Protein backbone atom coordinates (compact mmCIF):
# COMPACT_ATOMS: atom_id res chain seq x y z
CA UNK A 1 300.05 143.06 68.94
CA UNK A 2 298.81 141.66 72.24
CA UNK A 3 295.25 141.94 73.49
CA UNK A 4 294.82 141.70 77.25
CA UNK A 5 291.22 142.90 77.14
CA UNK A 6 289.04 141.14 79.69
CA UNK A 7 285.28 141.42 79.58
CA UNK A 8 283.13 143.21 77.05
CA UNK A 9 284.32 146.83 77.27
CA UNK A 10 285.71 146.53 73.75
CA UNK A 11 283.82 144.34 71.26
CA UNK A 12 285.94 141.67 69.50
CA UNK A 13 285.60 143.35 66.07
CA UNK A 14 287.13 146.53 67.51
CA UNK A 15 290.01 144.56 69.03
CA UNK A 16 290.59 143.04 65.58
CA UNK A 17 290.59 146.54 64.04
CA UNK A 18 293.20 147.70 66.58
CA UNK A 19 295.45 144.73 65.79
CA UNK A 20 295.09 145.23 62.04
CA UNK A 21 295.82 148.99 62.29
CA UNK A 22 298.93 148.32 64.37
CA UNK A 23 300.24 145.69 61.93
CA UNK A 24 299.69 148.10 59.03
CA UNK A 25 301.44 151.04 60.68
CA UNK A 26 304.55 149.07 61.69
CA UNK A 27 305.01 148.02 58.06
CA UNK A 28 305.52 151.68 57.13
CA UNK A 29 306.99 153.51 60.09
CA UNK A 30 306.30 157.17 60.85
CA UNK A 31 309.87 158.46 60.61
CA UNK A 32 311.15 157.28 57.23
CA UNK A 33 308.53 154.90 55.91
CA UNK A 34 310.61 151.82 56.73
CA UNK A 35 309.21 148.96 58.84
CA UNK A 36 309.34 149.35 62.62
CA UNK A 37 310.86 146.36 64.43
CA UNK A 38 311.09 145.22 68.06
CA UNK A 39 307.85 146.97 68.96
CA UNK A 40 304.87 145.59 70.82
CA UNK A 41 301.42 147.11 71.21
CA UNK A 42 299.41 145.93 74.23
CA UNK A 43 295.69 146.67 74.36
CA UNK A 44 294.57 146.41 77.97
CA UNK A 45 291.19 148.12 78.18
CA UNK A 46 288.99 150.74 76.62
CA UNK A 47 285.49 152.05 76.34
CA UNK A 48 282.92 152.35 73.61
CA UNK A 49 280.18 154.84 72.91
CA UNK A 50 276.95 153.87 71.18
CA UNK A 51 277.11 156.75 68.69
CA UNK A 52 280.83 157.44 68.20
CA UNK A 53 282.46 153.99 68.34
CA UNK A 54 283.27 151.93 65.28
CA UNK A 55 286.04 149.65 64.06
CA UNK A 56 287.35 152.57 61.99
CA UNK A 57 287.37 154.90 65.02
CA UNK A 58 289.40 152.35 67.00
CA UNK A 59 291.83 151.97 64.07
CA UNK A 60 292.31 155.76 63.93
CA UNK A 61 292.87 155.86 67.70
CA UNK A 62 295.46 153.08 67.34
CA UNK A 63 297.40 155.04 64.71
CA UNK A 64 297.27 158.16 66.88
CA UNK A 65 298.49 156.26 69.97
CA UNK A 66 301.31 154.70 67.95
CA UNK A 67 302.48 158.08 66.63
CA UNK A 68 302.37 159.58 70.15
CA UNK A 69 304.34 156.63 71.56
CA UNK A 70 306.95 156.89 68.80
CA UNK A 71 307.50 160.59 69.52
CA UNK A 72 308.74 159.71 73.00
CA UNK A 73 310.63 156.59 71.94
CA UNK A 74 314.34 156.23 71.28
CA UNK A 75 314.01 155.57 67.55
CA UNK A 76 316.92 154.46 65.43
CA UNK A 77 316.93 153.97 61.67
CA UNK A 78 318.72 150.76 60.75
CA UNK A 79 320.61 150.78 57.48
CA UNK A 80 320.88 147.70 55.31
CA UNK A 81 324.24 145.92 55.28
CA UNK A 82 325.43 143.78 52.40
CA UNK A 83 328.56 142.37 50.84
CA UNK A 84 328.93 143.33 47.20
CA UNK A 85 331.56 142.45 44.64
CA UNK A 86 331.95 145.05 41.89
CA UNK A 87 334.03 144.61 38.74
CA UNK A 88 334.73 147.78 36.76
CA UNK A 89 337.12 149.07 34.13
CA UNK A 90 339.88 151.31 35.41
CA UNK A 91 338.57 154.29 33.43
CA UNK A 92 335.39 154.47 35.57
CA UNK A 93 336.95 153.17 38.81
CA UNK A 94 337.12 156.56 40.56
CA UNK A 95 333.48 157.38 39.84
CA UNK A 96 332.33 154.02 41.20
CA UNK A 97 334.46 154.44 44.35
CA UNK A 98 333.05 157.94 44.90
CA UNK A 99 329.50 156.61 44.55
CA UNK A 100 330.11 153.88 47.14
CA UNK A 101 331.70 156.27 49.64
CA UNK A 102 328.96 158.86 49.07
CA UNK A 103 326.45 156.24 50.25
CA UNK A 104 328.53 155.55 53.37
CA UNK A 105 329.81 152.28 51.96
CA UNK A 106 333.12 150.87 53.07
CA UNK A 107 335.69 149.19 50.85
CA UNK A 108 337.24 146.15 52.50
CA UNK A 109 339.30 144.76 49.65
CA UNK A 110 340.62 146.00 46.31
CA UNK A 111 342.04 143.77 43.64
CA UNK A 112 343.46 144.89 40.34
CA UNK A 113 343.57 142.30 37.61
CA UNK A 114 345.77 142.49 34.57
CA UNK A 115 343.94 142.49 31.29
CA UNK A 116 345.45 141.18 28.13
CA UNK A 117 345.09 143.18 24.96
CA UNK A 118 345.33 141.36 21.69
């Protein structure tokens, strides 16, 4: 969040409310509920009204502006990537493999170990 407000058109407590609302909404994005990254919100100017303006009204306007901006943005959901080592018995191997592939996982290495039976 960046405030470029000059003068007294927007009282400081309203600017704070805008910044707080923006930080809250990017933690739970509008598309899938995941955080929004690489996004900046610049507050340049505004106006207040004696009767209708409040910190809450500015927070609501911030959320509305964010949702409108995201509708026109080129959004992309980023999926988590991780390396995982899984050790399973051969009798459940196929089910585990199917579960990984179903979740768009990729198998980079398979290793079968001999087990000794006593």
